[in-house]
Amino acid sequence: MVNRLKMAAKLWAILGLYEKIRKEAEMKEAKSLIWSKTFWTNVIMLVLTAADIMPPKYGVPTMAIANVILRLMSNQAVVLGPGK
């Protein structure tokens, strides 16, 4: 019973944190997906891998590393439609 209460408390805290982050993201300017460097990097890496220019064993880790680097460089939200 105590474990369930602890888990419920953690879940409640996580949900509260999620709402705080969501509200903060809504307040920031968002850009269109078309202007996202991360999106275009993924498209290019997918094309290189699909065209067998880059072997999948190198393409997937390279794409993951590129995504992490680009995400660390940006804190701007992305939306599917036109940006704010």
C-alpha atoms as a PDB file:
ATOM      1  CA  MET A   1       0.000   0.000   0.000  1.00  0.00           C
ATOM      2  CA  VAL A   2       2.831   2.395   0.888  1.00  0.00           C
ATOM      3  CA  ASN A   3       4.577   1.628  -2.424  1.00  0.00           C
ATOM      4  CA  ARG A   4       1.392   2.441  -4.336  1.00  0.00           C
ATOM      5  CA  LEU A   5       1.081   5.758  -2.504  1.00  0.00           C
ATOM      6  CA  LYS A   6       4.717   6.593  -3.275  1.00  0.00           C
ATOM      7  CA  MET A   7       4.207   5.726  -6.937  1.00  0.00           C
ATOM      8  CA  ALA A   8       1.030   7.815  -7.062  1.00  0.00           C
ATOM      9  CA  ALA A   9       2.886  10.764  -5.514  1.00  0.00           C
ATOM     10  CA  LYS A  10       5.705  10.438  -8.067  1.00  0.00           C
ATOM     11  CA  LEU A  11       3.216  10.246 -10.921  1.00  0.00           C
ATOM     12  CA  TRP A  12       1.412  13.336  -9.639  1.00  0.00           C
ATOM     13  CA  ALA A  13       4.742  15.209  -9.456  1.00  0.00           C
ATOM     14  CA  ILE A  14       5.657  14.123 -13.006  1.00  0.00           C
ATOM     15  CA  LEU A  15       2.283  15.269 -14.329  1.00  0.00           C
ATOM     16  CA  GLY A  16       2.722  18.618 -12.611  1.00  0.00           C
ATOM     17  CA  LEU A  17       6.171  19.013 -14.138  1.00  0.00           C
ATOM     18  CA  TYR A  18       4.803  18.092 -17.573  1.00  0.00           C
ATOM     19  CA  GLU A  19       2.118  20.780 -17.316  1.00  0.00           C
ATOM     20  CA  LYS A  20       4.702  23.373 -16.281  1.00  0.00           C
ATOM     21  CA  ILE A  21       6.940  22.492 -19.243  1.00  0.00           C
ATOM     22  CA  ARG A  22       3.971  22.464 -21.650  1.00  0.00           C
ATOM     23  CA  LYS A  23       2.850  25.928 -20.524  1.00  0.00           C
ATOM     24  CA  GLU A  24       6.391  27.267 -20.848  1.00  0.00           C
ATOM     25  CA  ALA A  25       6.680  25.842 -24.376  1.00  0.00           C
ATOM     26  CA  GLU A  26       3.395  27.477 -25.378  1.00  0.00           C
ATOM     27  CA  MET A  27       4.728  30.865 -24.279  1.00  0.00           C
ATOM     28  CA  LYS A  28       7.843  30.609 -26.479  1.00  0.00           C
ATOM     29  CA  GLU A  29       7.929  31.395 -30.153  1.00  0.00           C
ATOM     30  CA  ALA A  30       7.604  28.244 -32.235  1.00  0.00           C
ATOM     31  CA  LYS A  31       9.010  27.777 -35.708  1.00  0.00           C
ATOM     32  CA  SER A  32       7.619  25.773 -38.571  1.00  0.00           C
ATOM     33  CA  LEU A  33       8.969  22.264 -39.072  1.00  0.00           C
ATOM     34  CA  ILE A  34      10.228  23.383 -42.498  1.00  0.00           C
ATOM     35  CA  TRP A  35      12.762  25.679 -40.781  1.00  0.00           C
ATOM     36  CA  SER A  36      14.027  23.008 -38.368  1.00  0.00           C
ATOM     37  CA  LYS A  37      17.679  21.988 -38.812  1.00  0.00           C
ATOM     38  CA  THR A  38      16.939  18.749 -36.980  1.00  0.00           C
ATOM     39  CA  PHE A  39      14.147  17.855 -39.421  1.00  0.00           C
ATOM     40  CA  TRP A  40      16.315  18.453 -42.488  1.00  0.00           C
ATOM     41  CA  THR A  41      19.280  16.619 -40.978  1.00  0.00           C
ATOM     42  CA  ASN A  42      17.025  13.598 -40.432  1.00  0.00           C
ATOM     43  CA  VAL A  43      15.699  13.808 -44.011  1.00  0.00           C
ATOM     44  CA  ILE A  44      19.229  13.987 -45.444  1.00  0.00           C
ATOM     45  CA  MET A  45      20.446  11.105 -43.281  1.00  0.00           C
ATOM     46  CA  LEU A  46      17.429   9.021 -44.298  1.00  0.00           C
ATOM     47  CA  VAL A  47      18.100   9.678 -47.996  1.00  0.00           C
ATOM     48  CA  LEU A  48      21.807   8.836 -47.606  1.00  0.00           C
ATOM     49  CA  THR A  49      20.966   5.601 -45.828  1.00  0.00           C
ATOM     50  CA  ALA A  50      18.116   4.632 -48.195  1.00  0.00           C
ATOM     51  CA  ALA A  51      20.330   5.325 -51.247  1.00  0.00           C
ATOM     52  CA  ASP A  52      22.979   3.077 -49.664  1.00  0.00           C
ATOM     53  CA  ILE A  53      25.481   5.934 -49.711  1.00  0.00           C
ATOM     54  CA  MET A  54      25.907   5.530 -45.964  1.00  0.00           C
ATOM     55  CA  PRO A  55      25.666   2.010 -44.510  1.00  0.00           C
ATOM     56  CA  PRO A  56      22.889   1.632 -41.891  1.00  0.00           C
ATOM     57  CA  LYS A  57      25.421   0.534 -39.266  1.00  0.00           C
ATOM     58  CA  TYR A  58      26.971   4.038 -39.478  1.00  0.00           C
ATOM     59  CA  GLY A  59      23.872   5.996 -40.477  1.00  0.00           C
ATOM     60  CA  VAL A  60      21.789   5.269 -37.391  1.00  0.00           C
ATOM     61  CA  PRO A  61      24.447   6.203 -34.806  1.00  0.00           C
ATOM     62  CA  THR A  62      25.434   9.268 -36.860  1.00  0.00           C
ATOM     63  CA  MET A  63      21.807  10.399 -37.001  1.00  0.00           C
ATOM     64  CA  ALA A  64      21.396   9.884 -33.252  1.00  0.00           C
ATOM     65  CA  ILE A  65      24.513  11.925 -32.472  1.00  0.00           C
ATOM     66  CA  ALA A  66      23.459  14.680 -34.887  1.00  0.00           C
ATOM     67  CA  ASN A  67      19.992  14.822 -33.279  1.00  0.00           C
ATOM     68  CA  VAL A  68      21.474  15.196 -29.800  1.00  0.00           C
ATOM     69  CA  ILE A  69      23.874  17.945 -30.914  1.00  0.00           C
ATOM     70  CA  LEU A  70      21.158  19.864 -32.770  1.00  0.00           C
ATOM     71  CA  ARG A  71      18.722  19.518 -29.867  1.00  0.00           C
ATOM     72  CA  LEU A  72      21.330  20.918 -27.475  1.00  0.00           C
ATOM     73  CA  MET A  73      21.896  23.877 -29.817  1.00  0.00           C
ATOM     74  CA  SER A  74      18.205  24.806 -29.893  1.00  0.00           C
ATOM     75  CA  ASN A  75      15.528  25.374 -27.298  1.00  0.00           C
ATOM     76  CA  GLN A  76      12.856  26.599 -29.687  1.00  0.00           C
ATOM     77  CA  ALA A  77       9.631  24.662 -30.103  1.00  0.00           C
ATOM     78  CA  VAL A  78       8.633  23.260 -33.497  1.00  0.00           C
ATOM     79  CA  VAL A  79       5.094  23.086 -34.873  1.00  0.00           C
ATOM     80  CA  LEU A  80       3.710  21.247 -37.891  1.00  0.00           C
ATOM     81  CA  GLY A  81       1.904  24.255 -39.291  1.00  0.00           C
ATOM     82  CA  PRO A  82       3.151  27.794 -39.791  1.00  0.00           C
ATOM     83  CA  GLY A  83       5.198  29.159 -36.896  1.00  0.00           C
ATOM     84  CA  LYS A  84       3.913  31.733 -34.421  1.00  0.00           C
END
